[in-house]
Amino acid sequence: METTSLSNKSNVTHEAGNNAAADHAMRSIEEARASAEELAARGNAAIRSGTARAQEIFHQTSEHAAHYVQDKPLKALLLAVAAGAAIALLAGAMNKHHGHR
């Protein structure tokens, strides 16, 4: 009878240890989940903020360009032609470089 009683006490102690470990693991998982959710929320907020800032900069740049074209149409046209020519030259050089492989 004595061995059965010791065996039962050992099983109870073992089960209590397993429950404590399981509880600790569940708390750790919950904390990790909460941290991941917070990190995702902060990431989403940063993306939204960055997108809004980029849209604002684009809008301001567009307005600035429009005013520049209205104030100096000939200069704006010459700059556009020069930029187009530079892009065409770069594209031609890249095509020539890729064609010789």
Protein backbone atom coordinates (compact mmCIF):
# COMPACT_ATOMS: atom_id res chain seq x y z
CA MET A 1 0.00 0.00 0.00
CA GLU A 2 2.86 2.36 0.78
CA THR A 3 4.22 2.25 -2.80
CA THR A 4 0.82 3.03 -4.28
CA SER A 5 0.47 6.08 -2.07
CA LEU A 6 3.96 7.34 -3.02
CA SER A 7 3.25 6.64 -6.67
CA ASN A 8 -0.02 8.64 -6.50
CA LYS A 9 1.78 11.57 -4.82
CA SER A 10 4.45 11.45 -7.50
CA ASN A 11 1.84 11.48 -10.26
CA VAL A 12 0.01 14.42 -8.65
CA THR A 13 3.27 16.36 -8.33
CA HIS A 14 4.18 15.51 -11.92
CA GLU A 15 0.75 16.62 -13.19
CA ALA A 16 0.96 19.88 -11.21
CA GLY A 17 4.35 20.56 -12.79
CA ASN A 18 2.95 19.83 -16.24
CA ASN A 19 0.00 22.16 -15.62
CA ALA A 20 2.32 24.93 -14.44
CA ALA A 21 4.50 24.48 -17.51
CA ALA A 22 1.45 24.46 -19.77
CA ASP A 23 0.10 27.60 -18.08
CA HIS A 24 3.47 29.31 -18.50
CA ALA A 25 3.62 28.28 -22.15
CA MET A 26 0.09 29.60 -22.76
CA ARG A 27 0.97 32.93 -21.11
CA SER A 28 4.11 33.18 -23.22
CA ILE A 29 2.15 32.45 -26.39
CA GLU A 30 -0.47 35.05 -25.45
CA GLU A 31 2.22 37.65 -24.74
CA ALA A 32 3.91 36.88 -28.07
CA ARG A 33 0.58 37.18 -29.90
CA ALA A 34 -0.19 40.50 -28.21
CA SER A 35 3.29 41.80 -29.06
CA ALA A 36 2.90 40.70 -32.68
CA GLU A 37 -0.49 42.43 -32.93
CA GLU A 38 0.95 45.63 -31.46
CA LEU A 39 3.91 45.51 -33.84
CA ALA A 40 1.59 44.93 -36.81
CA ALA A 41 -0.62 47.84 -35.75
CA ARG A 42 2.39 50.15 -35.41
CA GLY A 43 3.66 48.99 -38.81
CA ASN A 44 0.30 49.68 -40.42
CA ALA A 45 0.17 53.13 -38.84
CA ALA A 46 3.69 53.89 -40.10
CA ILE A 47 2.75 52.77 -43.61
CA ARG A 48 -0.40 54.90 -43.58
CA SER A 49 1.57 57.89 -42.32
CA GLY A 50 4.29 57.40 -44.93
CA THR A 51 1.74 57.04 -47.69
CA ALA A 52 -0.05 60.21 -46.62
CA ARG A 53 3.26 62.08 -46.49
CA ALA A 54 4.28 60.80 -49.95
CA GLN A 55 0.91 61.89 -51.38
CA GLU A 56 1.34 65.34 -49.84
CA ILE A 57 4.86 65.70 -51.27
CA PHE A 58 3.64 64.55 -54.69
CA HIS A 59 0.79 67.06 -54.58
CA GLN A 60 3.14 69.90 -53.57
CA THR A 61 5.65 68.96 -56.27
CA SER A 62 2.91 68.83 -58.90
CA GLU A 63 1.67 72.27 -57.89
CA HIS A 64 5.22 73.63 -57.93
CA ALA A 65 5.82 72.19 -61.40
CA ALA A 66 2.54 73.61 -62.69
CA HIS A 67 3.43 77.08 -61.39
CA TYR A 68 6.91 76.81 -62.91
CA VAL A 69 5.45 75.91 -66.31
CA GLN A 70 3.00 78.82 -66.10
CA ASP A 71 5.72 81.28 -65.08
CA LYS A 72 8.42 80.08 -67.51
CA PRO A 73 6.82 78.05 -70.31
CA LEU A 74 9.74 78.21 -72.77
CA LYS A 75 12.32 77.21 -70.17
CA ALA A 76 10.04 74.38 -68.98
CA LEU A 77 9.66 73.15 -72.56
CA LEU A 78 13.42 73.20 -73.14
CA LEU A 79 14.01 71.32 -69.88
CA ALA A 80 11.43 68.71 -70.87
CA VAL A 81 13.04 68.26 -74.29
CA ALA A 82 16.49 67.93 -72.70
CA ALA A 83 15.22 65.39 -70.17
CA GLY A 84 13.54 63.38 -72.93
CA ALA A 85 16.71 63.39 -75.00
CA ALA A 86 18.78 62.25 -72.02
CA ILE A 87 16.37 59.41 -71.32
CA ALA A 88 16.41 58.38 -74.99
CA LEU A 89 20.23 58.35 -75.00
CA LEU A 90 20.35 56.27 -71.81
CA ALA A 91 17.77 53.83 -73.16
CA GLY A 92 19.69 53.49 -76.41
CA ALA A 93 22.94 52.90 -74.56
CA MET A 94 21.33 50.29 -72.34
CA ASN A 95 19.81 48.48 -75.33
CA LYS A 96 23.14 48.52 -77.13
CA HIS A 97 24.91 47.19 -74.01
CA HIS A 98 22.37 44.37 -73.52
CA GLY A 99 22.43 43.48 -77.20
CA HIS A 100 26.18 42.67 -77.19
CA ARG A 101 26.07 39.87 -74.62
